[in-house]
Amino acid sequence: MVLKLNKFRLNEEVIARLFIDKLCGLGYKIYGNIRLDGIEIDVLAVEPAIDRPLIHVYEIKTRPKIMLIDQLSKRIHIADYLYVVVPVTLYPWIVKKVGGPIGVVMYTGNDFHIIKKADFLGNGVHVIELMKKYGECNVECNNMVY
């Protein structure tokens, strides 16, 4: 798949695809563009772990939107780790808006960098329970699995 990048503005879909490609190399099971328990998630990564899989939730933004805080507050209850992924041009805005346990991943050039590491939230068990109850396929809905 060849992605055409507009050097003036990247859309969330392009950044999500590039980010998913990056995460695939880490050995996580990746779900893109899913709806889980009524919440839309841009990227969900399931990390294998000893006690139970760890759930990483990533919200991707390309423009400063005040609704981001509301979106993050809904996702914090289903994640072990919660991140917002933004292009480097949003750095000044994002550091003012996002704090506490939420991490920040910056997209610059053709790479991603963790600017602020997310704190462990311990709420990913909800996602695991839904996957066990309904099966992974029903959790995926209209998404892409990698």
C-alpha atoms as a PDB file:
ATOM      1  CA  MET A   1       0.000   0.000   0.000  1.00  0.00           C
ATOM      2  CA  VAL A   2       1.408   3.384  -0.982  1.00  0.00           C
ATOM      3  CA  LEU A   3       0.326   6.349   1.113  1.00  0.00           C
ATOM      4  CA  LYS A   4       0.417   9.777  -0.458  1.00  0.00           C
ATOM      5  CA  LEU A   5       1.474  12.287   2.165  1.00  0.00           C
ATOM      6  CA  ASN A   6       0.405  15.893   1.912  1.00  0.00           C
ATOM      7  CA  LYS A   7       3.309  17.832   3.380  1.00  0.00           C
ATOM      8  CA  PHE A   8       1.002  20.596   4.583  1.00  0.00           C
ATOM      9  CA  ARG A   9      -1.584  18.499   6.402  1.00  0.00           C
ATOM     10  CA  LEU A  10      -1.688  14.862   7.377  1.00  0.00           C
ATOM     11  CA  ASN A  11      -5.070  13.402   8.102  1.00  0.00           C
ATOM     12  CA  GLU A  12      -5.718  11.138  11.062  1.00  0.00           C
ATOM     13  CA  GLU A  13      -6.154   8.085   8.856  1.00  0.00           C
ATOM     14  CA  VAL A  14      -2.667   8.453   7.360  1.00  0.00           C
ATOM     15  CA  ILE A  15      -1.035   9.000  10.758  1.00  0.00           C
ATOM     16  CA  ALA A  16      -2.984   6.034  12.179  1.00  0.00           C
ATOM     17  CA  ARG A  17      -1.790   3.770   9.370  1.00  0.00           C
ATOM     18  CA  LEU A  18       1.843   4.834   9.833  1.00  0.00           C
ATOM     19  CA  PHE A  19       1.531   4.430  13.609  1.00  0.00           C
ATOM     20  CA  ILE A  20      -0.044   0.979  13.271  1.00  0.00           C
ATOM     21  CA  ASP A  21       2.818  -0.082  10.998  1.00  0.00           C
ATOM     22  CA  LYS A  22       5.241   1.044  13.702  1.00  0.00           C
ATOM     23  CA  LEU A  23       3.390  -0.812  16.480  1.00  0.00           C
ATOM     24  CA  CYS A  24       3.195  -4.028  14.456  1.00  0.00           C
ATOM     25  CA  GLY A  25       6.946  -4.359  14.834  1.00  0.00           C
ATOM     26  CA  LEU A  26       6.597  -4.503  18.629  1.00  0.00           C
ATOM     27  CA  GLY A  27       4.689  -7.784  18.697  1.00  0.00           C
ATOM     28  CA  TYR A  28       1.361  -6.295  19.802  1.00  0.00           C
ATOM     29  CA  LYS A  29      -1.971  -7.302  18.306  1.00  0.00           C
ATOM     30  CA  ILE A  30      -3.302  -4.094  16.797  1.00  0.00           C
ATOM     31  CA  TYR A  31      -6.877  -2.989  16.153  1.00  0.00           C
ATOM     32  CA  GLY A  32      -7.547   0.156  14.170  1.00  0.00           C
ATOM     33  CA  ASN A  33     -10.683   2.272  14.028  1.00  0.00           C
ATOM     34  CA  ILE A  34     -12.874   0.220  16.363  1.00  0.00           C
ATOM     35  CA  ARG A  35     -15.966   0.821  18.472  1.00  0.00           C
ATOM     36  CA  LEU A  36     -15.819  -0.766  21.885  1.00  0.00           C
ATOM     37  CA  ASP A  37     -18.675  -0.509  24.346  1.00  0.00           C
ATOM     38  CA  GLY A  38     -19.909   2.629  22.546  1.00  0.00           C
ATOM     39  CA  ILE A  39     -16.480   4.292  22.445  1.00  0.00           C
ATOM     40  CA  GLU A  40     -14.638   4.879  19.177  1.00  0.00           C
ATOM     41  CA  ILE A  41     -10.946   4.066  19.416  1.00  0.00           C
ATOM     42  CA  ASP A  42      -8.414   5.096  16.781  1.00  0.00           C
ATOM     43  CA  VAL A  43      -5.805   2.475  17.709  1.00  0.00           C
ATOM     44  CA  LEU A  44      -5.953  -0.252  20.338  1.00  0.00           C
ATOM     45  CA  ALA A  45      -2.853  -2.351  20.993  1.00  0.00           C
ATOM     46  CA  VAL A  46      -2.893  -5.555  23.027  1.00  0.00           C
ATOM     47  CA  GLU A  47       0.501  -6.230  24.598  1.00  0.00           C
ATOM     48  CA  PRO A  48       1.236  -9.780  25.728  1.00  0.00           C
ATOM     49  CA  ALA A  49       2.077  -9.905  29.452  1.00  0.00           C
ATOM     50  CA  ILE A  50       2.457 -12.505  32.200  1.00  0.00           C
ATOM     51  CA  ASP A  51      -0.663 -11.843  34.315  1.00  0.00           C
ATOM     52  CA  ARG A  52      -2.975 -10.597  31.558  1.00  0.00           C
ATOM     53  CA  PRO A  53      -2.601  -8.722  28.279  1.00  0.00           C
ATOM     54  CA  LEU A  54      -2.064  -4.967  28.648  1.00  0.00           C
ATOM     55  CA  ILE A  55      -4.334  -2.602  26.734  1.00  0.00           C
ATOM     56  CA  HIS A  56      -2.830   0.510  25.130  1.00  0.00           C
ATOM     57  CA  VAL A  57      -5.313   3.033  23.691  1.00  0.00           C
ATOM     58  CA  TYR A  58      -4.161   5.741  21.280  1.00  0.00           C
ATOM     59  CA  GLU A  59      -6.232   8.760  20.236  1.00  0.00           C
ATOM     60  CA  ILE A  60      -4.879  10.414  17.086  1.00  0.00           C
ATOM     61  CA  LYS A  61      -5.389  14.119  16.434  1.00  0.00           C
ATOM     62  CA  THR A  62      -4.116  16.337  13.624  1.00  0.00           C
ATOM     63  CA  ARG A  63      -5.794  19.568  14.700  1.00  0.00           C
ATOM     64  CA  PRO A  64      -6.323  21.150  18.107  1.00  0.00           C
ATOM     65  CA  LYS A  65      -9.835  20.247  19.198  1.00  0.00           C
ATOM     66  CA  ILE A  66     -11.278  20.983  22.609  1.00  0.00           C
ATOM     67  CA  MET A  67     -13.289  17.733  22.469  1.00  0.00           C
ATOM     68  CA  LEU A  68     -10.015  15.821  22.894  1.00  0.00           C
ATOM     69  CA  ILE A  69     -10.217  16.142  26.691  1.00  0.00           C
ATOM     70  CA  ASP A  70     -13.725  14.633  26.680  1.00  0.00           C
ATOM     71  CA  GLN A  71     -12.587  11.813  24.396  1.00  0.00           C
ATOM     72  CA  LEU A  72      -9.625  11.023  26.637  1.00  0.00           C
ATOM     73  CA  SER A  73     -11.780  11.062  29.772  1.00  0.00           C
ATOM     74  CA  LYS A  74     -13.999   8.357  28.229  1.00  0.00           C
ATOM     75  CA  ARG A  75     -11.067   6.206  27.162  1.00  0.00           C
ATOM     76  CA  ILE A  76      -9.223   6.368  30.479  1.00  0.00           C
ATOM     77  CA  HIS A  77     -11.714   3.850  31.917  1.00  0.00           C
ATOM     78  CA  ILE A  78     -10.846   1.134  29.387  1.00  0.00           C
ATOM     79  CA  ALA A  79      -7.071   1.447  29.087  1.00  0.00           C
ATOM     80  CA  ASP A  80      -4.013   0.280  30.933  1.00  0.00           C
ATOM     81  CA  TYR A  81      -2.083   2.993  29.100  1.00  0.00           C
ATOM     82  CA  LEU A  82      -3.664   5.958  27.317  1.00  0.00           C
ATOM     83  CA  TYR A  83      -1.851   8.111  24.762  1.00  0.00           C
ATOM     84  CA  VAL A  84      -2.643  10.932  22.398  1.00  0.00           C
ATOM     85  CA  VAL A  85      -0.724  10.897  19.095  1.00  0.00           C
ATOM     86  CA  VAL A  86      -0.187  14.271  17.396  1.00  0.00           C
ATOM     87  CA  PRO A  87       2.075  15.813  14.759  1.00  0.00           C
ATOM     88  CA  VAL A  88       4.973  17.874  16.077  1.00  0.00           C
ATOM     89  CA  THR A  89       3.195  21.087  15.057  1.00  0.00           C
ATOM     90  CA  LEU A  90       0.697  20.532  17.903  1.00  0.00           C
ATOM     91  CA  TYR A  91       3.382  20.207  20.586  1.00  0.00           C
ATOM     92  CA  PRO A  92       2.758  23.619  22.277  1.00  0.00           C
ATOM     93  CA  TRP A  93      -0.996  23.057  22.339  1.00  0.00           C
ATOM     94  CA  ILE A  94      -0.928  19.453  23.516  1.00  0.00           C
ATOM     95  CA  VAL A  95       1.425  20.003  26.469  1.00  0.00           C
ATOM     96  CA  LYS A  96      -0.989  22.638  27.815  1.00  0.00           C
ATOM     97  CA  LYS A  97      -4.070  20.418  27.407  1.00  0.00           C
ATOM     98  CA  VAL A  98      -2.917  16.931  28.338  1.00  0.00           C
ATOM     99  CA  GLY A  99      -1.514  16.050  31.716  1.00  0.00           C
ATOM    100  CA  GLY A 100      -1.821  13.550  34.507  1.00  0.00           C
ATOM    101  CA  PRO A 101      -1.540   9.886  33.542  1.00  0.00           C
ATOM    102  CA  ILE A 102      -2.028  10.425  29.796  1.00  0.00           C
ATOM    103  CA  GLY A 103       0.988   9.990  27.556  1.00  0.00           C
ATOM    104  CA  VAL A 104       1.923  11.927  24.427  1.00  0.00           C
ATOM    105  CA  VAL A 105       3.352  10.466  21.221  1.00  0.00           C
ATOM    106  CA  MET A 106       4.693  12.980  18.723  1.00  0.00           C
ATOM    107  CA  TYR A 107       4.751  12.330  14.985  1.00  0.00           C
ATOM    108  CA  THR A 108       7.630  14.021  13.236  1.00  0.00           C
ATOM    109  CA  GLY A 109       8.953  13.304   9.773  1.00  0.00           C
ATOM    110  CA  ASN A 110       8.379   9.612   9.315  1.00  0.00           C
ATOM    111  CA  ASP A 111       8.759   8.511  12.913  1.00  0.00           C
ATOM    112  CA  PHE A 112       7.008   8.538  16.273  1.00  0.00           C
ATOM    113  CA  HIS A 113       8.513   9.564  19.602  1.00  0.00           C
ATOM    114  CA  ILE A 114       7.105   9.196  23.096  1.00  0.00           C
ATOM    115  CA  ILE A 115       7.335  12.704  24.545  1.00  0.00           C
ATOM    116  CA  LYS A 116       5.527  11.829  27.768  1.00  0.00           C
ATOM    117  CA  LYS A 117       5.129   8.264  28.968  1.00  0.00           C
ATOM    118  CA  ALA A 118       1.645   7.257  30.127  1.00  0.00           C
ATOM    119  CA  ASP A 119       1.145   6.070  33.689  1.00  0.00           C
ATOM    120  CA  PHE A 120      -0.270   2.605  34.333  1.00  0.00           C
ATOM    121  CA  LEU A 121      -4.032   2.931  34.807  1.00  0.00           C
ATOM    122  CA  GLY A 122      -4.989  -0.725  35.252  1.00  0.00           C
ATOM    123  CA  ASN A 123      -8.346  -0.353  33.505  1.00  0.00           C
ATOM    124  CA  GLY A 124      -7.642  -2.586  30.498  1.00  0.00           C
ATOM    125  CA  VAL A 125      -9.278  -5.558  32.172  1.00  0.00           C
ATOM    126  CA  HIS A 126     -12.626  -4.170  30.923  1.00  0.00           C
ATOM    127  CA  VAL A 127     -11.508  -4.661  27.309  1.00  0.00           C
ATOM    128  CA  ILE A 128     -10.236  -8.165  28.051  1.00  0.00           C
ATOM    129  CA  GLU A 129     -13.588  -9.070  29.645  1.00  0.00           C
ATOM    130  CA  LEU A 130     -15.481  -7.790  26.590  1.00  0.00           C
ATOM    131  CA  MET A 131     -13.226  -9.780  24.264  1.00  0.00           C
ATOM    132  CA  LYS A 132     -13.802 -12.934  26.317  1.00  0.00           C
ATOM    133  CA  LYS A 133     -17.556 -12.340  26.564  1.00  0.00           C
ATOM    134  CA  TYR A 134     -18.278 -11.448  22.953  1.00  0.00           C
ATOM    135  CA  GLY A 135     -15.230 -12.812  21.175  1.00  0.00           C
ATOM    136  CA  GLU A 136     -12.562 -10.755  19.488  1.00  0.00           C
ATOM    137  CA  CYS A 137     -14.466 -10.583  16.205  1.00  0.00           C
ATOM    138  CA  ASN A 138     -17.439  -8.870  17.826  1.00  0.00           C
ATOM    139  CA  VAL A 139     -15.203  -6.376  19.606  1.00  0.00           C
ATOM    140  CA  GLU A 140     -13.496  -5.503  16.328  1.00  0.00           C
ATOM    141  CA  CYS A 141     -16.671  -4.329  14.541  1.00  0.00           C
ATOM    142  CA  ASN A 142     -15.802  -2.309  11.445  1.00  0.00           C
ATOM    143  CA  ASN A 143     -12.091  -2.172  11.993  1.00  0.00           C
ATOM    144  CA  MET A 144      -8.803  -3.358  10.695  1.00  0.00           C
ATOM    145  CA  VAL A 145      -6.860  -6.005  12.609  1.00  0.00           C
ATOM    146  CA  TYR A 146      -3.121  -6.226  12.132  1.00  0.00           C
END
